[in-house]
Amino acid sequence: MVKAVDVHKAELTALSGGGIEVYPTGASALWSDFNKANHDAMIQAELFSWPVILAIMVLAFGSLVAAGLPLLLTLAGLVASAGGLVLLNEIAPISVWAMNFAMMFALALGIDYALFVVSRFRDALKNGGNPRSAVAETMDTAGKAVAVSGLTVLVSLSAVLLVPAPAVRTMAVGIMLAVLFVLLATLTLLPAVLSKLGGKVNAGSLPWAKRQQHRSPRFAAWGELLHRHPWPFAIGSLLVLIALSVPALGLKVAMPSIEVVPTDAPVRQGYELVQAQMGEGAPGMLQIIAPTAEGTDTATTAAATDGIAMVTPPQPAPDGSGYVMLQAMPTVDPSDAQMGTILDTLRADLPDSALVGGAPAENLDLQQALNDYFPLIVGIILILGFALLLVALQAPLIAALGTVVSLLSAAAAFGVAKLIFQDGHGASLLGFNPQGFLDGWGPVFFFAMIFAIAMDYTVFLLATAKEHYERSADPKVAHVDGLAHSGRVIFAAAAVMVAVFFTFALADPLPPKEMGIILGVAVLLDAVLIRLILLPVLLRLTGHAAWWSPAWLRKVLPKISFSH
């Protein structure tokens, strides 16, 4: 139906003239216009983000060749994941949002992973290694961290598959496919290219690049400052995160309204015209299916239900199956908060043999499923995230702390989302009209994504710290050198992610705008306040205990070391 609208809507709207206006409208037309707006927004965001990303890469690496490698790697992952989505679409319909999410996530994570690997390779070369030994050292250290990070991201997203809704599951599968291809490219294609390039990875170096060290003096000095004064920084970052998290307690969610498509879209013009001429609820007719023998009684009961303006006469099924269909028009807009009460009352009043569907009912049922599964998804993501960190780090305390602090960035991002998209603060600056709620799929997907990104940085920082602790057995060395060797990479990776996500804030459709702003804010808060302040301070305060592990646990866990 959506494809049919794609094919015919231009021809239909062209019939307008001579005092007659023609608009394709309804659920299929809504998806057609929304898909187009989403596609255009994705292309626009990509065009804006690539030059910004390249500039950040050049600043981070100081070399044109090294800066270009993450982009080429990500491009390979993007092409492979896009092809995979096309093939999957031949088996089962893939949501258009799957492509948006997949492209955004593949771009951001691909650059993150490549940053970590290329940075470590250049350091190994600088320390006198030949290309082959440098690749071996890189994959034995940074490669392990990337593998753990990728698995954590895939595990976080796999929890979304629990929601029994095909559209939600295909979005999760699309993102997982993109992450998988980028991860495979990072662990195979990138080291192969680095091995061939060798010292040429530093070709096109800018003047300051020759002075650049893998152990950043600035982040080393920052680590020393945190080591000397841990409490003020810990309390300050916690106060900011908690203050931003408090508004999340009043967050409301609902399925998107007609306002997610631009005002000049034919479907929205038709929607508003139908409402003006036929009533607020006319664009969201409820469909009722009942046995033929109960059709009249069903129609009478439905018409008497509070919130139902009118009911059409029963229409028999053309296949003679013994069922009739009625349509009930609500008295409110399909996205109105009262719609849920009307639907519940109607279902309670009708006979058990009658079923109520239609676009508003589909939205409300999906929203209920998302709400019901959200606590379970959060619990599974936290448990599996902790388990992966525990296996990687072999230290229960820091694995638990790394998992718990990742919740803070998610809570703070949802608090900001409530202030912007529900309360409307900054709406005029960002160019949208607030719906008074966050789109219903947001909490499930955004939590999974934010947690995945947060754990990404956690692995980068803690794996580097663990490497130095294994060498020195000194918690101060682990804390300071862990930050000195990973701080620049985390900072640059976060800058890239923020640039990618915030470009989606320029989109006209509201869902990509929500996605870009919420994820961008989450990355910014997580990288600055948690990975570069709070988590290093926790390493300082816990000392040796951070890396302690009981003997029985060491026997159970597989032996993993991050030192080469």
Foldseek 3Di string as FASTA:
>chain_A
DLVVCVVCQVVQQVPDDPPDGGFDAADSLLLNLLLVLLVVLLVLLVVQQPVVQLVLLCVLQLANLLSCLLVVLLVQLLVQLVVVLVVVCVVPNAASVLNSLQNLLSSLLSSLLSLQLSLQLVQLVVVPDWLVVSLVLSCQFSVVLLVLLLVLLLQLLVLQCVQPDVHSNSSSVSNNSSSVSSNVCSNPVSSVVSSVCTPVSRHRGHPCNVVDHLQAPVLLVLLVVCLVPVVVLQVVLVVLLVVLLVLLVVAFAFADASQLGDCPRSRNVVLVVCCVPPAQQVSWKKKKKAFLVCQVVLLVQLCPQPQWPHKAHWDDDPVPPRMTMMITGGRHHLRDPCVVVSVVRSCVRGDVRMDMGTDSNVRVVSLVSLVVCLVVSVVSSLVVQLVSLCLAQVANPLSNVLSVVLVSLLSSLSSVLCVPQQVNVCCVVLPGDHPNHHYRCCSSVVSSNSSSVLSSLVSQLQSQLQQQCVVPVWLSCSLSSSSSNRVSSLVSSLSSSLSSLCSLSNRSRDPSVSRSSSSSSSSVSSSPSPSSRNSSSVSSVCISNRRDHDPVSVVVHDDRHNHD
